[in-house]
Amino acid sequence: MLDLKVLKSALEQLEEERRIPKEKIIEAIELAMAAAYKKDYGKKDQIIRTKFDFDSGKP
């Protein structure tokens, strides 16, 4: 399980220092999780989507 306080803090820091919108970072994380899942478990032409839940910390 992820430490949501640390993750939120890191996202806020990136947003402030690098001026990268938090939504874009979250989108990149979700795409990376979907790609990793598809690489290990996906089938050919299967569409995988993820949505990160910041309340529970679960993808």
PDB file of N, CA and C in Angstrom:
ATOM      1  N   MET A   1       0.846  -1.176   0.000  1.00  0.00           N
ATOM      2  CA  MET A   1       0.000   0.000   0.000  1.00  0.00           C
ATOM      3  C   MET A   1       0.892   1.240   0.000  1.00  0.00           C
ATOM      4  N   LEU A   2       0.467   2.255  -0.700  1.00  0.00           N
ATOM      5  CA  LEU A   2       1.228   3.494  -0.800  1.00  0.00           C
ATOM      6  C   LEU A   2       0.959   4.413   0.381  1.00  0.00           C
ATOM      7  N   ASP A   3       1.957   5.183   0.737  1.00  0.00           N
ATOM      8  CA  ASP A   3       1.771   6.219   1.753  1.00  0.00           C
ATOM      9  C   ASP A   3       1.227   7.448   1.026  1.00  0.00           C
ATOM     10  N   LEU A   4      -0.072   7.673   1.144  1.00  0.00           N
ATOM     11  CA  LEU A   4      -0.731   8.730   0.384  1.00  0.00           C
ATOM     12  C   LEU A   4      -0.249  10.123   0.760  1.00  0.00           C
ATOM     13  N   LYS A   5       0.104  10.332   2.020  1.00  0.00           N
ATOM     14  CA  LYS A   5       0.600  11.648   2.431  1.00  0.00           C
ATOM     15  C   LYS A   5       1.905  11.975   1.709  1.00  0.00           C
ATOM     16  N   VAL A   6       2.782  11.006   1.620  1.00  0.00           N
ATOM     17  CA  VAL A   6       4.063  11.209   0.938  1.00  0.00           C
ATOM     18  C   VAL A   6       3.835  11.444  -0.550  1.00  0.00           C
ATOM     19  N   LEU A   7       2.955  10.660  -1.148  1.00  0.00           N
ATOM     20  CA  LEU A   7       2.670  10.809  -2.573  1.00  0.00           C
ATOM     21  C   LEU A   7       2.054  12.173  -2.870  1.00  0.00           C
ATOM     22  N   LYS A   8       1.083  12.579  -2.087  1.00  0.00           N
ATOM     23  CA  LYS A   8       0.459  13.886  -2.296  1.00  0.00           C
ATOM     24  C   LYS A   8       1.471  15.007  -2.115  1.00  0.00           C
ATOM     25  N   SER A   9       2.336  14.877  -1.144  1.00  0.00           N
ATOM     26  CA  SER A   9       3.368  15.873  -0.906  1.00  0.00           C
ATOM     27  C   SER A   9       4.323  15.960  -2.097  1.00  0.00           C
ATOM     28  N   ALA A  10       4.711  14.804  -2.622  1.00  0.00           N
ATOM     29  CA  ALA A  10       5.611  14.779  -3.782  1.00  0.00           C
ATOM     30  C   ALA A  10       4.946  15.403  -5.005  1.00  0.00           C
ATOM     31  N   LEU A  11       3.670  15.116  -5.204  1.00  0.00           N
ATOM     32  CA  LEU A  11       2.940  15.703  -6.331  1.00  0.00           C
ATOM     33  C   LEU A  11       2.853  17.223  -6.199  1.00  0.00           C
ATOM     34  N   GLU A  12       2.573  17.686  -4.995  1.00  0.00           N
ATOM     35  CA  GLU A  12       2.493  19.125  -4.765  1.00  0.00           C
ATOM     36  C   GLU A  12       3.850  19.794  -4.981  1.00  0.00           C
ATOM     37  N   GLN A  13       4.908  19.120  -4.560  1.00  0.00           N
ATOM     38  CA  GLN A  13       6.251  19.668  -4.728  1.00  0.00           C
ATOM     39  C   GLN A  13       6.608  19.759  -6.211  1.00  0.00           C
ATOM     40  N   LEU A  14       6.324  18.708  -6.975  1.00  0.00           N
ATOM     41  CA  LEU A  14       6.578  18.741  -8.416  1.00  0.00           C
ATOM     42  C   LEU A  14       5.765  19.837  -9.091  1.00  0.00           C
ATOM     43  N   GLU A  15       4.527  19.979  -8.673  1.00  0.00           N
ATOM     44  CA  GLU A  15       3.662  20.995  -9.252  1.00  0.00           C
ATOM     45  C   GLU A  15       4.210  22.396  -8.981  1.00  0.00           C
ATOM     46  N   GLU A  16       4.686  22.608  -7.768  1.00  0.00           N
ATOM     47  CA  GLU A  16       5.195  23.919  -7.387  1.00  0.00           C
ATOM     48  C   GLU A  16       6.561  24.214  -8.015  1.00  0.00           C
ATOM     49  N   GLU A  17       7.492  23.264  -7.908  1.00  0.00           N
ATOM     50  CA  GLU A  17       8.861  23.504  -8.364  1.00  0.00           C
ATOM     51  C   GLU A  17       9.007  23.430  -9.880  1.00  0.00           C
ATOM     52  N   ARG A  18       8.380  22.457 -10.479  1.00  0.00           N
ATOM     53  CA  ARG A  18       8.547  22.229 -11.923  1.00  0.00           C
ATOM     54  C   ARG A  18       7.391  22.770 -12.754  1.00  0.00           C
ATOM     55  N   ARG A  19       6.360  23.247 -12.069  1.00  0.00           N
ATOM     56  CA  ARG A  19       5.155  23.756 -12.735  1.00  0.00           C
ATOM     57  C   ARG A  19       4.513  22.701 -13.636  1.00  0.00           C
ATOM     58  N   ILE A  20       4.514  21.468 -13.131  1.00  0.00           N
ATOM     59  CA  ILE A  20       3.844  20.365 -13.821  1.00  0.00           C
ATOM     60  C   ILE A  20       2.507  20.151 -13.121  1.00  0.00           C
ATOM     61  N   PRO A  21       1.405  20.295 -13.847  1.00  0.00           N
ATOM     62  CA  PRO A  21       0.099  20.107 -13.208  1.00  0.00           C
ATOM     63  C   PRO A  21      -0.023  18.713 -12.589  1.00  0.00           C
ATOM     64  N   LYS A  22      -0.564  18.669 -11.388  1.00  0.00           N
ATOM     65  CA  LYS A  22      -0.730  17.407 -10.654  1.00  0.00           C
ATOM     66  C   LYS A  22      -1.533  16.401 -11.476  1.00  0.00           C
ATOM     67  N   GLU A  23      -2.512  16.867 -12.213  1.00  0.00           N
ATOM     68  CA  GLU A  23      -3.356  15.980 -13.018  1.00  0.00           C
ATOM     69  C   GLU A  23      -2.540  15.264 -14.098  1.00  0.00           C
ATOM     70  N   LYS A  24      -1.565  15.971 -14.669  1.00  0.00           N
ATOM     71  CA  LYS A  24      -0.716  15.364 -15.696  1.00  0.00           C
ATOM     72  C   LYS A  24       0.175  14.283 -15.099  1.00  0.00           C
ATOM     73  N   ILE A  25       0.673  14.517 -13.908  1.00  0.00           N
ATOM     74  CA  ILE A  25       1.517  13.526 -13.240  1.00  0.00           C
ATOM     75  C   ILE A  25       0.699  12.287 -12.909  1.00  0.00           C
ATOM     76  N   ILE A  26      -0.505  12.499 -12.395  1.00  0.00           N
ATOM     77  CA  ILE A  26      -1.382  11.376 -12.059  1.00  0.00           C
ATOM     78  C   ILE A  26      -1.719  10.585 -13.318  1.00  0.00           C
ATOM     79  N   GLU A  27      -1.991  11.280 -14.412  1.00  0.00           N
ATOM     80  CA  GLU A  27      -2.289  10.613 -15.682  1.00  0.00           C
ATOM     81  C   GLU A  27      -1.096   9.753 -16.123  1.00  0.00           C
ATOM     82  N   ALA A  28       0.117  10.270 -15.974  1.00  0.00           N
ATOM     83  CA  ALA A  28       1.311   9.515 -16.348  1.00  0.00           C
ATOM     84  C   ALA A  28       1.470   8.267 -15.473  1.00  0.00           C
ATOM     85  N   ILE A  29       1.175   8.397 -14.190  1.00  0.00           N
ATOM     86  CA  ILE A  29       1.251   7.246 -13.276  1.00  0.00           C
ATOM     87  C   ILE A  29       0.230   6.188 -13.692  1.00  0.00           C
ATOM     88  N   GLU A  30      -0.985   6.618 -13.992  1.00  0.00           N
ATOM     89  CA  GLU A  30      -2.032   5.676 -14.397  1.00  0.00           C
ATOM     90  C   GLU A  30      -1.662   4.966 -15.697  1.00  0.00           C
ATOM     91  N   LEU A  31      -1.111   5.701 -16.662  1.00  0.00           N
ATOM     92  CA  LEU A  31      -0.692   5.084 -17.925  1.00  0.00           C
ATOM     93  C   LEU A  31       0.439   4.082 -17.708  1.00  0.00           C
ATOM     94  N   ALA A  32       1.372   4.429 -16.820  1.00  0.00           N
ATOM     95  CA  ALA A  32       2.479   3.520 -16.526  1.00  0.00           C
ATOM     96  C   ALA A  32       1.983   2.249 -15.855  1.00  0.00           C
ATOM     97  N   MET A  33       1.029   2.364 -14.931  1.00  0.00           N
ATOM     98  CA  MET A  33       0.475   1.178 -14.278  1.00  0.00           C
ATOM     99  C   MET A  33      -0.245   0.290 -15.287  1.00  0.00           C
ATOM    100  N   ALA A  34      -0.987   0.893 -16.200  1.00  0.00           N
ATOM    101  CA  ALA A  34      -1.701   0.119 -17.215  1.00  0.00           C
ATOM    102  C   ALA A  34      -0.711  -0.588 -18.141  1.00  0.00           C
ATOM    103  N   ALA A  35       0.351   0.105 -18.528  1.00  0.00           N
ATOM    104  CA  ALA A  35       1.357  -0.498 -19.412  1.00  0.00           C
ATOM    105  C   ALA A  35       2.063  -1.662 -18.726  1.00  0.00           C
ATOM    106  N   ALA A  36       2.391  -1.500 -17.448  1.00  0.00           N
ATOM    107  CA  ALA A  36       3.058  -2.571 -16.705  1.00  0.00           C
ATOM    108  C   ALA A  36       2.144  -3.787 -16.569  1.00  0.00           C
ATOM    109  N   TYR A  37       0.874  -3.552 -16.275  1.00  0.00           N
ATOM    110  CA  TYR A  37      -0.074  -4.656 -16.153  1.00  0.00           C
ATOM    111  C   TYR A  37      -0.205  -5.387 -17.490  1.00  0.00           C
ATOM    112  N   LYS A  38      -0.365  -4.598 -18.564  1.00  0.00           N
ATOM    113  CA  LYS A  38      -0.555  -5.200 -19.884  1.00  0.00           C
ATOM    114  C   LYS A  38       0.671  -6.015 -20.287  1.00  0.00           C
ATOM    115  N   LYS A  39       1.861  -5.530 -19.954  1.00  0.00           N
ATOM    116  CA  LYS A  39       3.087  -6.251 -20.292  1.00  0.00           C
ATOM    117  C   LYS A  39       3.119  -7.623 -19.635  1.00  0.00           C
ATOM    118  N   ASP A  40       2.716  -7.698 -18.385  1.00  0.00           N
ATOM    119  CA  ASP A  40       2.795  -8.962 -17.652  1.00  0.00           C
ATOM    120  C   ASP A  40       1.563  -9.847 -17.803  1.00  0.00           C
ATOM    121  N   TYR A  41       0.379  -9.238 -17.907  1.00  0.00           N
ATOM    122  CA  TYR A  41      -0.858 -10.033 -17.856  1.00  0.00           C
ATOM    123  C   TYR A  41      -1.794  -9.840 -19.041  1.00  0.00           C
ATOM    124  N   GLY A  42      -1.578  -8.817 -19.839  1.00  0.00           N
ATOM    125  CA  GLY A  42      -2.511  -8.484 -20.913  1.00  0.00           C
ATOM    126  C   GLY A  42      -2.452  -9.442 -22.082  1.00  0.00           C
ATOM    127  N   LYS A  43      -3.537  -9.430 -22.834  1.00  0.00           N
ATOM    128  CA  LYS A  43      -3.638 -10.237 -24.041  1.00  0.00           C
ATOM    129  C   LYS A  43      -3.528  -9.311 -25.243  1.00  0.00           C
ATOM    130  N   LYS A  44      -3.219  -9.867 -26.383  1.00  0.00           N
ATOM    131  CA  LYS A  44      -3.064  -9.081 -27.602  1.00  0.00           C
ATOM    132  C   LYS A  44      -4.328  -8.264 -27.885  1.00  0.00           C
ATOM    133  N   ASP A  45      -4.126  -7.001 -28.212  1.00  0.00           N
ATOM    134  CA  ASP A  45      -5.199  -6.051 -28.544  1.00  0.00           C
ATOM    135  C   ASP A  45      -6.136  -5.761 -27.376  1.00  0.00           C
ATOM    136  N   GLN A  46      -5.763  -6.138 -26.178  1.00  0.00           N
ATOM    137  CA  GLN A  46      -6.586  -5.850 -24.996  1.00  0.00           C
ATOM    138  C   GLN A  46      -6.358  -4.405 -24.572  1.00  0.00           C
ATOM    139  N   ILE A  47      -7.414  -3.711 -24.232  1.00  0.00           N
ATOM    140  CA  ILE A  47      -7.317  -2.334 -23.766  1.00  0.00           C
ATOM    141  C   ILE A  47      -7.366  -2.338 -22.240  1.00  0.00           C
ATOM    142  N   ILE A  48      -6.333  -1.778 -21.632  1.00  0.00           N
ATOM    143  CA  ILE A  48      -6.229  -1.726 -20.176  1.00  0.00           C
ATOM    144  C   ILE A  48      -6.286  -0.259 -19.759  1.00  0.00           C
ATOM    145  N   ARG A  49      -7.135   0.040 -18.792  1.00  0.00           N
ATOM    146  CA  ARG A  49      -7.220   1.399 -18.246  1.00  0.00           C
ATOM    147  C   ARG A  49      -7.102   1.303 -16.727  1.00  0.00           C
ATOM    148  N   THR A  50      -6.493   2.328 -16.150  1.00  0.00           N
ATOM    149  CA  THR A  50      -6.397   2.378 -14.694  1.00  0.00           C
ATOM    150  C   THR A  50      -6.890   3.726 -14.195  1.00  0.00           C
ATOM    151  N   LYS A  51      -7.324   3.742 -12.970  1.00  0.00           N
ATOM    152  CA  LYS A  51      -7.736   4.972 -12.298  1.00  0.00           C
ATOM    153  C   LYS A  51      -7.227   4.876 -10.876  1.00  0.00           C
ATOM    154  N   PHE A  52      -6.379   5.807 -10.489  1.00  0.00           N
ATOM    155  CA  PHE A  52      -5.799   5.785  -9.156  1.00  0.00           C
ATOM    156  C   PHE A  52      -6.761   6.433  -8.157  1.00  0.00           C
ATOM    157  N   ASP A  53      -7.040   5.741  -7.078  1.00  0.00           N
ATOM    158  CA  ASP A  53      -7.964   6.244  -6.059  1.00  0.00           C
ATOM    159  C   ASP A  53      -7.150   6.835  -4.899  1.00  0.00           C
ATOM    160  N   PHE A  54      -7.161   8.150  -4.767  1.00  0.00           N
ATOM    161  CA  PHE A  54      -6.385   8.801  -3.722  1.00  0.00           C
ATOM    162  C   PHE A  54      -7.009   8.653  -2.340  1.00  0.00           C
ATOM    163  N   ASP A  55      -8.222   8.197  -2.261  1.00  0.00           N
ATOM    164  CA  ASP A  55      -8.837   7.980  -0.941  1.00  0.00           C
ATOM    165  C   ASP A  55      -8.348   6.679  -0.311  1.00  0.00           C
ATOM    166  N   SER A  56      -8.233   5.636  -1.133  1.00  0.00           N
ATOM    167  CA  SER A  56      -7.823   4.338  -0.604  1.00  0.00           C
ATOM    168  C   SER A  56      -6.373   4.002  -0.917  1.00  0.00           C
ATOM    169  N   GLY A  57      -5.810   4.658  -1.929  1.00  0.00           N
ATOM    170  CA  GLY A  57      -4.438   4.359  -2.344  1.00  0.00           C
ATOM    171  C   GLY A  57      -4.360   3.180  -3.276  1.00  0.00           C
ATOM    172  N   LYS A  58      -5.502   2.692  -3.733  1.00  0.00           N
ATOM    173  CA  LYS A  58      -5.523   1.541  -4.610  1.00  0.00           C
ATOM    174  C   LYS A  58      -5.684   1.978  -6.073  1.00  0.00           C
ATOM    175  N   PRO A  59      -5.015   1.261  -6.987  1.00  0.00           N
ATOM    176  CA  PRO A  59      -5.203   1.557  -8.423  1.00  0.00           C
ATOM    177  C   PRO A  59      -6.504   0.970  -8.912  1.00  0.00           C
TER     178      PRO A  59
END
